[in-house]
Amino acid sequence: IAVMDWYRQAPGKQRELVATITSGGTTNCADSVKGRFTISRD
């Protein structure tokens, strides 16, 4: 598994990438959730 992501979609809106984590542990998240959401993996 190279990448794990979370997306979200609200009614009438485009699906949005929320956060991603790579196999190497690098994380990124959307500006709208930075400082509030954290992605992790096992």
PDB file of all heavy atoms in Angstrom:
ATOM      1  N   ILE A   1       0.859  -1.184   0.000  1.00  0.00           N
ATOM      2  CA  ILE A   1       0.000   0.000   0.000  1.00  0.00           C
ATOM      3  C   ILE A   1       0.894   1.232   0.000  1.00  0.00           C
ATOM      4  O   ILE A   1       1.583   1.519   0.981  1.00  0.00           O
ATOM      5  CB  ILE A   1      -0.940   0.006   1.212  1.00  0.00           C
ATOM      6  CG1 ILE A   1      -1.825  -1.239   1.204  1.00  0.00           C
ATOM      7  CG2 ILE A   1      -1.796   1.270   1.200  1.00  0.00           C
ATOM      8  CD1 ILE A   1      -2.672  -1.387   2.439  1.00  0.00           C
ATOM      9  N   ALA A   2       0.870   1.955  -1.101  1.00  0.00           N
ATOM     10  CA  ALA A   2       1.746   3.108  -1.260  1.00  0.00           C
ATOM     11  C   ALA A   2       1.174   4.363  -0.619  1.00  0.00           C
ATOM     12  O   ALA A   2       1.910   5.167  -0.049  1.00  0.00           O
ATOM     13  CB  ALA A   2       2.021   3.361  -2.738  1.00  0.00           C
ATOM     14  N   VAL A   3      -0.137   4.538  -0.726  1.00  0.00           N
ATOM     15  CA  VAL A   3      -0.795   5.756  -0.274  1.00  0.00           C
ATOM     16  C   VAL A   3      -2.129   5.405   0.361  1.00  0.00           C
ATOM     17  O   VAL A   3      -2.856   4.542  -0.138  1.00  0.00           O
ATOM     18  CB  VAL A   3      -1.024   6.746  -1.435  1.00  0.00           C
ATOM     19  CG1 VAL A   3      -1.747   7.997  -0.941  1.00  0.00           C
ATOM     20  CG2 VAL A   3       0.291   7.125  -2.090  1.00  0.00           C
ATOM     21  N   MET A   4      -2.440   6.078   1.442  1.00  0.00           N
ATOM     22  CA  MET A   4      -3.759   6.021   2.048  1.00  0.00           C
ATOM     23  C   MET A   4      -4.292   7.441   2.134  1.00  0.00           C
ATOM     24  O   MET A   4      -3.573   8.350   2.533  1.00  0.00           O
ATOM     25  CB  MET A   4      -3.713   5.404   3.449  1.00  0.00           C
ATOM     26  CG  MET A   4      -3.231   3.967   3.491  1.00  0.00           C
ATOM     27  SD  MET A   4      -3.138   3.364   5.209  1.00  0.00           S
ATOM     28  CE  MET A   4      -2.681   1.647   4.936  1.00  0.00           C
ATOM     29  N   ASP A   5      -5.550   7.612   1.764  1.00  0.00           N
ATOM     30  CA  ASP A   5      -6.154   8.940   1.713  1.00  0.00           C
ATOM     31  C   ASP A   5      -7.531   8.931   2.358  1.00  0.00           C
ATOM     32  O   ASP A   5      -8.177   7.896   2.486  1.00  0.00           O
ATOM     33  CB  ASP A   5      -6.360   9.420   0.264  1.00  0.00           C
ATOM     34  CG  ASP A   5      -5.120   9.385  -0.575  1.00  0.00           C
ATOM     35  OD1 ASP A   5      -4.214  10.209  -0.325  1.00  0.00           O
ATOM     36  OD2 ASP A   5      -5.073   8.551  -1.500  1.00  0.00           O
ATOM     37  N   TRP A   6      -7.973  10.136   2.704  1.00  0.00           N
ATOM     38  CA  TRP A   6      -9.353  10.386   3.057  1.00  0.00           C
ATOM     39  C   TRP A   6      -9.906  11.474   2.149  1.00  0.00           C
ATOM     40  O   TRP A   6      -9.275  12.520   1.968  1.00  0.00           O
ATOM     41  CB  TRP A   6      -9.507  10.827   4.516  1.00  0.00           C
ATOM     42  CG  TRP A   6      -9.321   9.724   5.501  1.00  0.00           C
ATOM     43  CD1 TRP A   6      -8.188   9.416   6.180  1.00  0.00           C
ATOM     44  CD2 TRP A   6     -10.317   8.779   5.915  1.00  0.00           C
ATOM     45  NE1 TRP A   6      -8.401   8.342   7.008  1.00  0.00           N
ATOM     46  CE2 TRP A   6      -9.704   7.929   6.861  1.00  0.00           C
ATOM     47  CE3 TRP A   6     -11.657   8.571   5.595  1.00  0.00           C
ATOM     48  CZ2 TRP A   6     -10.384   6.881   7.487  1.00  0.00           C
ATOM     49  CZ3 TRP A   6     -12.334   7.525   6.215  1.00  0.00           C
ATOM     50  CH2 TRP A   6     -11.696   6.700   7.145  1.00  0.00           C
ATOM     51  N   TYR A   7     -11.065  11.209   1.583  1.00  0.00           N
ATOM     52  CA  TYR A   7     -11.815  12.175   0.798  1.00  0.00           C
ATOM     53  C   TYR A   7     -13.144  12.446   1.491  1.00  0.00           C
ATOM     54  O   TYR A   7     -13.595  11.676   2.337  1.00  0.00           O
ATOM     55  CB  TYR A   7     -12.101  11.654  -0.608  1.00  0.00           C
ATOM     56  CG  TYR A   7     -10.902  11.568  -1.530  1.00  0.00           C
ATOM     57  CD1 TYR A   7      -9.968  10.541  -1.404  1.00  0.00           C
ATOM     58  CD2 TYR A   7     -10.714  12.498  -2.543  1.00  0.00           C
ATOM     59  CE1 TYR A   7      -8.880  10.453  -2.254  1.00  0.00           C
ATOM     60  CE2 TYR A   7      -9.630  12.415  -3.403  1.00  0.00           C
ATOM     61  CZ  TYR A   7      -8.721  11.387  -3.249  1.00  0.00           C
ATOM     62  OH  TYR A   7      -7.649  11.310  -4.108  1.00  0.00           O
ATOM     63  N   ARG A   8     -13.793  13.537   1.097  1.00  0.00           N
ATOM     64  CA  ARG A   8     -15.137  13.797   1.570  1.00  0.00           C
ATOM     65  C   ARG A   8     -15.953  14.457   0.472  1.00  0.00           C
ATOM     66  O   ARG A   8     -15.407  15.104  -0.418  1.00  0.00           O
ATOM     67  CB  ARG A   8     -15.141  14.659   2.832  1.00  0.00           C
ATOM     68  CG  ARG A   8     -14.671  16.092   2.628  1.00  0.00           C
ATOM     69  CD  ARG A   8     -14.598  16.805   3.972  1.00  0.00           C
ATOM     70  NE  ARG A   8     -14.199  18.201   3.828  1.00  0.00           N
ATOM     71  CZ  ARG A   8     -13.934  19.005   4.845  1.00  0.00           C
ATOM     72  NH1 ARG A   8     -14.031  18.557   6.099  1.00  0.00           N
ATOM     73  NH2 ARG A   8     -13.569  20.268   4.619  1.00  0.00           N
ATOM     74  N   GLN A   9     -17.256  14.291   0.559  1.00  0.00           N
ATOM     75  CA  GLN A   9     -18.156  14.877  -0.412  1.00  0.00           C
ATOM     76  C   GLN A   9     -19.436  15.307   0.287  1.00  0.00           C
ATOM     77  O   GLN A   9     -20.140  14.483   0.873  1.00  0.00           O
ATOM     78  CB  GLN A   9     -18.477  13.897  -1.540  1.00  0.00           C
ATOM     79  CG  GLN A   9     -19.261  14.521  -2.677  1.00  0.00           C
ATOM     80  CD  GLN A   9     -19.301  13.639  -3.906  1.00  0.00           C
ATOM     81  OE1 GLN A   9     -19.148  12.421  -3.818  1.00  0.00           O
ATOM     82  NE2 GLN A   9     -19.490  14.250  -5.059  1.00  0.00           N
ATOM     83  N   ALA A  10     -19.710  16.597   0.215  1.00  0.00           N
ATOM     84  CA  ALA A  10     -20.946  17.151   0.742  1.00  0.00           C
ATOM     85  C   ALA A  10     -21.989  17.189  -0.372  1.00  0.00           C
ATOM     86  O   ALA A  10     -21.637  17.217  -1.558  1.00  0.00           O
ATOM     87  CB  ALA A  10     -20.709  18.549   1.297  1.00  0.00           C
ATOM     88  N   PRO A  11     -23.268  17.206  -0.034  1.00  0.00           N
ATOM     89  CA  PRO A  11     -24.318  17.228  -1.056  1.00  0.00           C
ATOM     90  C   PRO A  11     -24.158  18.402  -2.014  1.00  0.00           C
ATOM     91  O   PRO A  11     -23.978  19.542  -1.589  1.00  0.00           O
ATOM     92  CB  PRO A  11     -25.604  17.351  -0.243  1.00  0.00           C
ATOM     93  CG  PRO A  11     -25.272  16.734   1.074  1.00  0.00           C
ATOM     94  CD  PRO A  11     -23.846  17.119   1.328  1.00  0.00           C
ATOM     95  N   GLY A  12     -24.196  18.108  -3.310  1.00  0.00           N
ATOM     96  CA  GLY A  12     -24.086  19.136  -4.324  1.00  0.00           C
ATOM     97  C   GLY A  12     -22.692  19.680  -4.541  1.00  0.00           C
ATOM     98  O   GLY A  12     -22.529  20.627  -5.312  1.00  0.00           O
ATOM     99  N   LYS A  13     -21.698  19.098  -3.884  1.00  0.00           N
ATOM    100  CA  LYS A  13     -20.339  19.590  -4.006  1.00  0.00           C
ATOM    101  C   LYS A  13     -19.411  18.511  -4.561  1.00  0.00           C
ATOM    102  O   LYS A  13     -19.709  17.323  -4.509  1.00  0.00           O
ATOM    103  CB  LYS A  13     -19.815  20.069  -2.650  1.00  0.00           C
ATOM    104  CG  LYS A  13     -20.564  21.258  -2.070  1.00  0.00           C
ATOM    105  CD  LYS A  13     -19.943  21.724  -0.772  1.00  0.00           C
ATOM    106  CE  LYS A  13     -20.676  22.926  -0.216  1.00  0.00           C
ATOM    107  NZ  LYS A  13     -20.077  23.384   1.069  1.00  0.00           N
ATOM    108  N   GLN A  14     -18.288  18.953  -5.083  1.00  0.00           N
ATOM    109  CA  GLN A  14     -17.292  18.051  -5.635  1.00  0.00           C
ATOM    110  C   GLN A  14     -16.568  17.295  -4.521  1.00  0.00           C
ATOM    111  O   GLN A  14     -16.352  17.829  -3.434  1.00  0.00           O
ATOM    112  CB  GLN A  14     -16.299  18.853  -6.476  1.00  0.00           C
ATOM    113  CG  GLN A  14     -15.306  18.026  -7.262  1.00  0.00           C
ATOM    114  CD  GLN A  14     -14.442  18.886  -8.162  1.00  0.00           C
ATOM    115  OE1 GLN A  14     -14.738  20.053  -8.403  1.00  0.00           O
ATOM    116  NE2 GLN A  14     -13.358  18.316  -8.671  1.00  0.00           N
ATOM    117  N   ARG A  15     -16.200  16.061  -4.813  1.00  0.00           N
ATOM    118  CA  ARG A  15     -15.421  15.299  -3.850  1.00  0.00           C
ATOM    119  C   ARG A  15     -14.065  15.962  -3.635  1.00  0.00           C
ATOM    120  O   ARG A  15     -13.396  16.366  -4.588  1.00  0.00           O
ATOM    121  CB  ARG A  15     -15.247  13.856  -4.324  1.00  0.00           C
ATOM    122  CG  ARG A  15     -14.549  12.963  -3.312  1.00  0.00           C
ATOM    123  CD  ARG A  15     -14.579  11.501  -3.717  1.00  0.00           C
ATOM    124  NE  ARG A  15     -15.936  10.964  -3.711  1.00  0.00           N
ATOM    125  CZ  ARG A  15     -16.234   9.678  -3.897  1.00  0.00           C
ATOM    126  NH1 ARG A  15     -15.262   8.796  -4.088  1.00  0.00           N
ATOM    127  NH2 ARG A  15     -17.501   9.283  -3.894  1.00  0.00           N
ATOM    128  N   GLU A  16     -13.663  16.050  -2.382  1.00  0.00           N
ATOM    129  CA  GLU A  16     -12.489  16.800  -1.972  1.00  0.00           C
ATOM    130  C   GLU A  16     -11.497  15.896  -1.261  1.00  0.00           C
ATOM    131  O   GLU A  16     -11.869  15.114  -0.387  1.00  0.00           O
ATOM    132  CB  GLU A  16     -12.920  17.941  -1.039  1.00  0.00           C
ATOM    133  CG  GLU A  16     -11.795  18.710  -0.379  1.00  0.00           C
ATOM    134  CD  GLU A  16     -12.280  19.632   0.722  1.00  0.00           C
ATOM    135  OE1 GLU A  16     -13.413  19.436   1.211  1.00  0.00           O
ATOM    136  OE2 GLU A  16     -11.530  20.560   1.088  1.00  0.00           O
ATOM    137  N   LEU A  17     -10.232  16.025  -1.616  1.00  0.00           N
ATOM    138  CA  LEU A  17      -9.174  15.329  -0.888  1.00  0.00           C
ATOM    139  C   LEU A  17      -8.940  16.031   0.440  1.00  0.00           C
ATOM    140  O   LEU A  17      -8.642  17.228   0.477  1.00  0.00           O
ATOM    141  CB  LEU A  17      -7.886  15.300  -1.709  1.00  0.00           C
ATOM    142  CG  LEU A  17      -6.667  14.659  -1.041  1.00  0.00           C
ATOM    143  CD1 LEU A  17      -6.921  13.184  -0.741  1.00  0.00           C
ATOM    144  CD2 LEU A  17      -5.433  14.815  -1.918  1.00  0.00           C
ATOM    145  N   VAL A  18      -9.058  15.282   1.527  1.00  0.00           N
ATOM    146  CA  VAL A  18      -8.933  15.838   2.869  1.00  0.00           C
ATOM    147  C   VAL A  18      -7.524  15.674   3.412  1.00  0.00           C
ATOM    148  O   VAL A  18      -6.930  16.618   3.939  1.00  0.00           O
ATOM    149  CB  VAL A  18      -9.954  15.197   3.825  1.00  0.00           C
ATOM    150  CG1 VAL A  18      -9.770  15.722   5.246  1.00  0.00           C
ATOM    151  CG2 VAL A  18     -11.373  15.445   3.334  1.00  0.00           C
ATOM    152  N   ALA A  19      -6.984  14.469   3.310  1.00  0.00           N
ATOM    153  CA  ALA A  19      -5.672  14.184   3.875  1.00  0.00           C
ATOM    154  C   ALA A  19      -5.094  12.951   3.216  1.00  0.00           C
ATOM    155  O   ALA A  19      -5.828  12.070   2.767  1.00  0.00           O
ATOM    156  CB  ALA A  19      -5.745  13.987   5.392  1.00  0.00           C
ATOM    157  N   THR A  20      -3.774  12.882   3.179  1.00  0.00           N
ATOM    158  CA  THR A  20      -3.103  11.742   2.572  1.00  0.00           C
ATOM    159  C   THR A  20      -1.863  11.387   3.385  1.00  0.00           C
ATOM    160  O   THR A  20      -1.251  12.254   4.023  1.00  0.00           O
ATOM    161  CB  THR A  20      -2.728  12.038   1.106  1.00  0.00           C
ATOM    162  OG1 THR A  20      -2.145  10.877   0.504  1.00  0.00           O
ATOM    163  CG2 THR A  20      -1.733  13.189   1.014  1.00  0.00           C
ATOM    164  N   ILE A  21      -1.494  10.118   3.352  1.00  0.00           N
ATOM    165  CA  ILE A  21      -0.270   9.652   3.992  1.00  0.00           C
ATOM    166  C   ILE A  21       0.376   8.618   3.080  1.00  0.00           C
ATOM    167  O   ILE A  21      -0.290   7.728   2.560  1.00  0.00           O
ATOM    168  CB  ILE A  21      -0.539   9.092   5.408  1.00  0.00           C
ATOM    169  CG1 ILE A  21       0.770   8.706   6.102  1.00  0.00           C
ATOM    170  CG2 ILE A  21      -1.517   7.929   5.376  1.00  0.00           C
ATOM    171  CD1 ILE A  21       0.605   8.456   7.592  1.00  0.00           C
ATOM    172  N   THR A  22       1.682   8.746   2.875  1.00  0.00           N
ATOM    173  CA  THR A  22       2.412   7.843   2.000  1.00  0.00           C
ATOM    174  C   THR A  22       3.005   6.693   2.792  1.00  0.00           C
ATOM    175  O   THR A  22       2.998   6.677   4.023  1.00  0.00           O
ATOM    176  CB  THR A  22       3.535   8.574   1.264  1.00  0.00           C
ATOM    177  OG1 THR A  22       4.573   8.915   2.200  1.00  0.00           O
ATOM    178  CG2 THR A  22       3.027   9.845   0.597  1.00  0.00           C
ATOM    179  N   SER A  23       3.554   5.720   2.062  1.00  0.00           N
ATOM    180  CA  SER A  23       4.202   4.583   2.704  1.00  0.00           C
ATOM    181  C   SER A  23       5.395   5.009   3.545  1.00  0.00           C
ATOM    182  O   SER A  23       5.743   4.334   4.509  1.00  0.00           O
ATOM    183  CB  SER A  23       4.643   3.563   1.653  1.00  0.00           C
ATOM    184  OG  SER A  23       5.569   4.132   0.742  1.00  0.00           O
ATOM    185  N   GLY A  24       6.018   6.128   3.182  1.00  0.00           N
ATOM    186  CA  GLY A  24       7.133   6.648   3.944  1.00  0.00           C
ATOM    187  C   GLY A  24       6.744   7.495   5.131  1.00  0.00           C
ATOM    188  O   GLY A  24       7.621   7.965   5.868  1.00  0.00           O
ATOM    189  N   GLY A  25       5.445   7.710   5.327  1.00  0.00           N
ATOM    190  CA  GLY A  25       4.969   8.454   6.477  1.00  0.00           C
ATOM    191  C   GLY A  25       4.743   9.929   6.234  1.00  0.00           C
ATOM    192  O   GLY A  25       4.370  10.653   7.164  1.00  0.00           O
ATOM    193  N   THR A  26       4.955  10.395   5.017  1.00  0.00           N
ATOM    194  CA  THR A  26       4.713  11.790   4.703  1.00  0.00           C
ATOM    195  C   THR A  26       3.218  12.074   4.674  1.00  0.00           C
ATOM    196  O   THR A  26       2.453  11.340   4.045  1.00  0.00           O
ATOM    197  CB  THR A  26       5.332  12.158   3.357  1.00  0.00           C
ATOM    198  OG1 THR A  26       6.742  11.911   3.398  1.00  0.00           O
ATOM    199  CG2 THR A  26       5.097  13.625   3.034  1.00  0.00           C
ATOM    200  N   THR A  27       2.805  13.130   5.340  1.00  0.00           N
ATOM    201  CA  THR A  27       1.394  13.489   5.405  1.00  0.00           C
ATOM    202  C   THR A  27       1.147  14.848   4.779  1.00  0.00           C
ATOM    203  O   THR A  27       2.026  15.700   4.713  1.00  0.00           O
ATOM    204  CB  THR A  27       0.879  13.499   6.853  1.00  0.00           C
ATOM    205  OG1 THR A  27       1.602  14.482   7.606  1.00  0.00           O
ATOM    206  CG2 THR A  27       1.067  12.139   7.501  1.00  0.00           C
ATOM    207  N   ASN A  28      -0.078  15.030   4.339  1.00  0.00           N
ATOM    208  CA  ASN A  28      -0.524  16.308   3.825  1.00  0.00           C
ATOM    209  C   ASN A  28      -2.023  16.386   4.039  1.00  0.00           C
ATOM    210  O   ASN A  28      -2.702  15.366   4.101  1.00  0.00           O
ATOM    211  CB  ASN A  28      -0.181  16.462   2.349  1.00  0.00           C
ATOM    212  CG  ASN A  28      -0.236  17.902   1.886  1.00  0.00           C
ATOM    213  OD1 ASN A  28      -0.289  18.833   2.685  1.00  0.00           O
ATOM    214  ND2 ASN A  28      -0.216  18.092   0.571  1.00  0.00           N
ATOM    215  N   CYS A  29      -2.528  17.592   4.147  1.00  0.00           N
ATOM    216  CA  CYS A  29      -3.963  17.760   4.333  1.00  0.00           C
ATOM    217  C   CYS A  29      -4.419  19.056   3.690  1.00  0.00           C
ATOM    218  O   CYS A  29      -3.615  19.946   3.417  1.00  0.00           O
ATOM    219  CB  CYS A  29      -4.345  17.717   5.815  1.00  0.00           C
ATOM    220  SG  CYS A  29      -3.582  18.981   6.834  1.00  0.00           S
ATOM    221  N   ALA A  30      -5.712  19.139   3.468  1.00  0.00           N
ATOM    222  CA  ALA A  30      -6.285  20.323   2.857  1.00  0.00           C
ATOM    223  C   ALA A  30      -6.174  21.520   3.791  1.00  0.00           C
ATOM    224  O   ALA A  30      -6.202  21.376   5.019  1.00  0.00           O
ATOM    225  CB  ALA A  30      -7.745  20.072   2.500  1.00  0.00           C
ATOM    226  N   ASP A  31      -6.059  22.693   3.203  1.00  0.00           N
ATOM    227  CA  ASP A  31      -5.946  23.907   4.008  1.00  0.00           C
ATOM    228  C   ASP A  31      -7.135  24.082   4.952  1.00  0.00           C
ATOM    229  O   ASP A  31      -6.974  24.600   6.062  1.00  0.00           O
ATOM    230  CB  ASP A  31      -5.840  25.133   3.105  1.00  0.00           C
ATOM    231  CG  ASP A  31      -4.506  25.217   2.387  1.00  0.00           C
ATOM    232  OD1 ASP A  31      -3.544  24.567   2.828  1.00  0.00           O
ATOM    233  OD2 ASP A  31      -4.430  25.941   1.377  1.00  0.00           O
ATOM    234  N   SER A  32      -8.295  23.639   4.528  1.00  0.00           N
ATOM    235  CA  SER A  32      -9.498  23.822   5.321  1.00  0.00           C
ATOM    236  C   SER A  32      -9.494  23.023   6.622  1.00  0.00           C
ATOM    237  O   SER A  32     -10.278  23.323   7.525  1.00  0.00           O
ATOM    238  CB  SER A  32     -10.737  23.455   4.500  1.00  0.00           C
ATOM    239  OG  SER A  32     -10.684  22.107   4.075  1.00  0.00           O
ATOM    240  N   VAL A  33      -8.628  22.007   6.719  1.00  0.00           N
ATOM    241  CA  VAL A  33      -8.605  21.167   7.914  1.00  0.00           C
ATOM    242  C   VAL A  33      -7.266  21.182   8.628  1.00  0.00           C
ATOM    243  O   VAL A  33      -7.124  20.529   9.669  1.00  0.00           O
ATOM    244  CB  VAL A  33      -9.000  19.707   7.595  1.00  0.00           C
ATOM    245  CG1 VAL A  33     -10.359  19.659   6.914  1.00  0.00           C
ATOM    246  CG2 VAL A  33      -7.940  19.028   6.743  1.00  0.00           C
ATOM    247  N   LYS A  34      -6.290  21.907   8.111  1.00  0.00           N
ATOM    248  CA  LYS A  34      -4.982  21.966   8.750  1.00  0.00           C
ATOM    249  C   LYS A  34      -5.094  22.501  10.169  1.00  0.00           C
ATOM    250  O   LYS A  34      -5.800  23.463  10.437  1.00  0.00           O
ATOM    251  CB  LYS A  34      -4.030  22.841   7.943  1.00  0.00           C
ATOM    252  CG  LYS A  34      -3.475  22.165   6.710  1.00  0.00           C
ATOM    253  CD  LYS A  34      -2.470  23.040   5.986  1.00  0.00           C
ATOM    254  CE  LYS A  34      -1.886  22.311   4.787  1.00  0.00           C
ATOM    255  NZ  LYS A  34      -0.937  23.155   4.030  1.00  0.00           N
ATOM    256  N   GLY A  35      -4.381  21.834  11.065  1.00  0.00           N
ATOM    257  CA  GLY A  35      -4.422  22.199  12.467  1.00  0.00           C
ATOM    258  C   GLY A  35      -5.551  21.560  13.235  1.00  0.00           C
ATOM    259  O   GLY A  35      -5.586  21.652  14.467  1.00  0.00           O
ATOM    260  N   ARG A  36      -6.484  20.922  12.528  1.00  0.00           N
ATOM    261  CA  ARG A  36      -7.620  20.281  13.176  1.00  0.00           C
ATOM    262  C   ARG A  36      -7.673  18.773  12.945  1.00  0.00           C
ATOM    263  O   ARG A  36      -8.064  18.030  13.840  1.00  0.00           O
ATOM    264  CB  ARG A  36      -8.931  20.904  12.691  1.00  0.00           C
ATOM    265  CG  ARG A  36      -9.037  22.398  12.973  1.00  0.00           C
ATOM    266  CD  ARG A  36     -10.427  22.933  12.640  1.00  0.00           C
ATOM    267  NE  ARG A  36     -10.747  22.785  11.219  1.00  0.00           N
ATOM    268  CZ  ARG A  36     -11.755  22.057  10.747  1.00  0.00           C
ATOM    269  NH1 ARG A  36     -12.561  21.414  11.582  1.00  0.00           N
ATOM    270  NH2 ARG A  36     -11.977  21.984   9.438  1.00  0.00           N
ATOM    271  N   PHE A  37      -7.295  18.327  11.747  1.00  0.00           N
ATOM    272  CA  PHE A  37      -7.364  16.909  11.397  1.00  0.00           C
ATOM    273  C   PHE A  37      -5.962  16.321  11.332  1.00  0.00           C
ATOM    274  O   PHE A  37      -5.010  16.992  10.919  1.00  0.00           O
ATOM    275  CB  PHE A  37      -8.022  16.705  10.028  1.00  0.00           C
ATOM    276  CG  PHE A  37      -9.501  16.994   9.970  1.00  0.00           C
ATOM    277  CD1 PHE A  37     -10.163  17.633  11.002  1.00  0.00           C
ATOM    278  CD2 PHE A  37     -10.219  16.619   8.849  1.00  0.00           C
ATOM    279  CE1 PHE A  37     -11.520  17.897  10.928  1.00  0.00           C
ATOM    280  CE2 PHE A  37     -11.578  16.873   8.761  1.00  0.00           C
ATOM    281  CZ  PHE A  37     -12.226  17.516   9.799  1.00  0.00           C
ATOM    282  N   THR A  38      -5.839  15.054  11.700  1.00  0.00           N
ATOM    283  CA  THR A  38      -4.580  14.335  11.628  1.00  0.00           C
ATOM    284  C   THR A  38      -4.810  12.962  11.022  1.00  0.00           C
ATOM    285  O   THR A  38      -5.695  12.227  11.474  1.00  0.00           O
ATOM    286  CB  THR A  38      -3.941  14.171  13.016  1.00  0.00           C
ATOM    287  OG1 THR A  38      -3.742  15.452  13.618  1.00  0.00           O
ATOM    288  CG2 THR A  38      -2.593  13.468  12.901  1.00  0.00           C
ATOM    289  N   ILE A  39      -4.023  12.623  10.010  1.00  0.00           N
ATOM    290  CA  ILE A  39      -4.103  11.306   9.407  1.00  0.00           C
ATOM    291  C   ILE A  39      -2.952  10.453   9.933  1.00  0.00           C
ATOM    292  O   ILE A  39      -1.832  10.940  10.130  1.00  0.00           O
ATOM    293  CB  ILE A  39      -4.077  11.387   7.867  1.00  0.00           C
ATOM    294  CG1 ILE A  39      -4.349  10.022   7.237  1.00  0.00           C
ATOM    295  CG2 ILE A  39      -2.775  11.989   7.362  1.00  0.00           C
ATOM    296  CD1 ILE A  39      -4.575  10.081   5.731  1.00  0.00           C
ATOM    297  N   SER A  40      -3.217   9.187  10.168  1.00  0.00           N
ATOM    298  CA  SER A  40      -2.198   8.252  10.612  1.00  0.00           C
ATOM    299  C   SER A  40      -2.514   6.878  10.053  1.00  0.00           C
ATOM    300  O   SER A  40      -3.599   6.650   9.512  1.00  0.00           O
ATOM    301  CB  SER A  40      -2.098   8.211  12.143  1.00  0.00           C
ATOM    302  OG  SER A  40      -3.321   7.792  12.723  1.00  0.00           O
ATOM    303  N   ARG A  41      -1.573   5.961  10.183  1.00  0.00           N
ATOM    304  CA  ARG A  41      -1.770   4.632   9.620  1.00  0.00           C
ATOM    305  C   ARG A  41      -1.114   3.570  10.482  1.00  0.00           C
ATOM    306  O   ARG A  41      -0.230   3.853  11.294  1.00  0.00           O
ATOM    307  CB  ARG A  41      -1.193   4.560   8.197  1.00  0.00           C
ATOM    308  CG  ARG A  41       0.331   4.639   8.160  1.00  0.00           C
ATOM    309  CD  ARG A  41       0.871   4.554   6.766  1.00  0.00           C
ATOM    310  NE  ARG A  41       2.325   4.485   6.768  1.00  0.00           N
ATOM    311  CZ  ARG A  41       3.077   4.430   5.693  1.00  0.00           C
ATOM    312  NH1 ARG A  41       2.512   4.453   4.494  1.00  0.00           N
ATOM    313  NH2 ARG A  41       4.396   4.373   5.801  1.00  0.00           N
ATOM    314  N   ASP A  42      -1.556   2.338  10.288  1.00  0.00           N
ATOM    315  CA  ASP A  42      -0.963   1.165  10.894  1.00  0.00           C
ATOM    316  C   ASP A  42      -0.805   0.158   9.768  1.00  0.00           C
ATOM    317  O   ASP A  42      -1.771  -0.509   9.384  1.00  0.00           O
ATOM    318  CB  ASP A  42      -1.834   0.610  12.015  1.00  0.00           C
ATOM    319  CG  ASP A  42      -1.190  -0.545  12.750  1.00  0.00           C
ATOM    320  OD1 ASP A  42      -0.309  -1.216  12.180  1.00  0.00           O
ATOM    321  OD2 ASP A  42      -1.572  -0.798  13.909  1.00  0.00           O
TER     322      ASP A  42
END
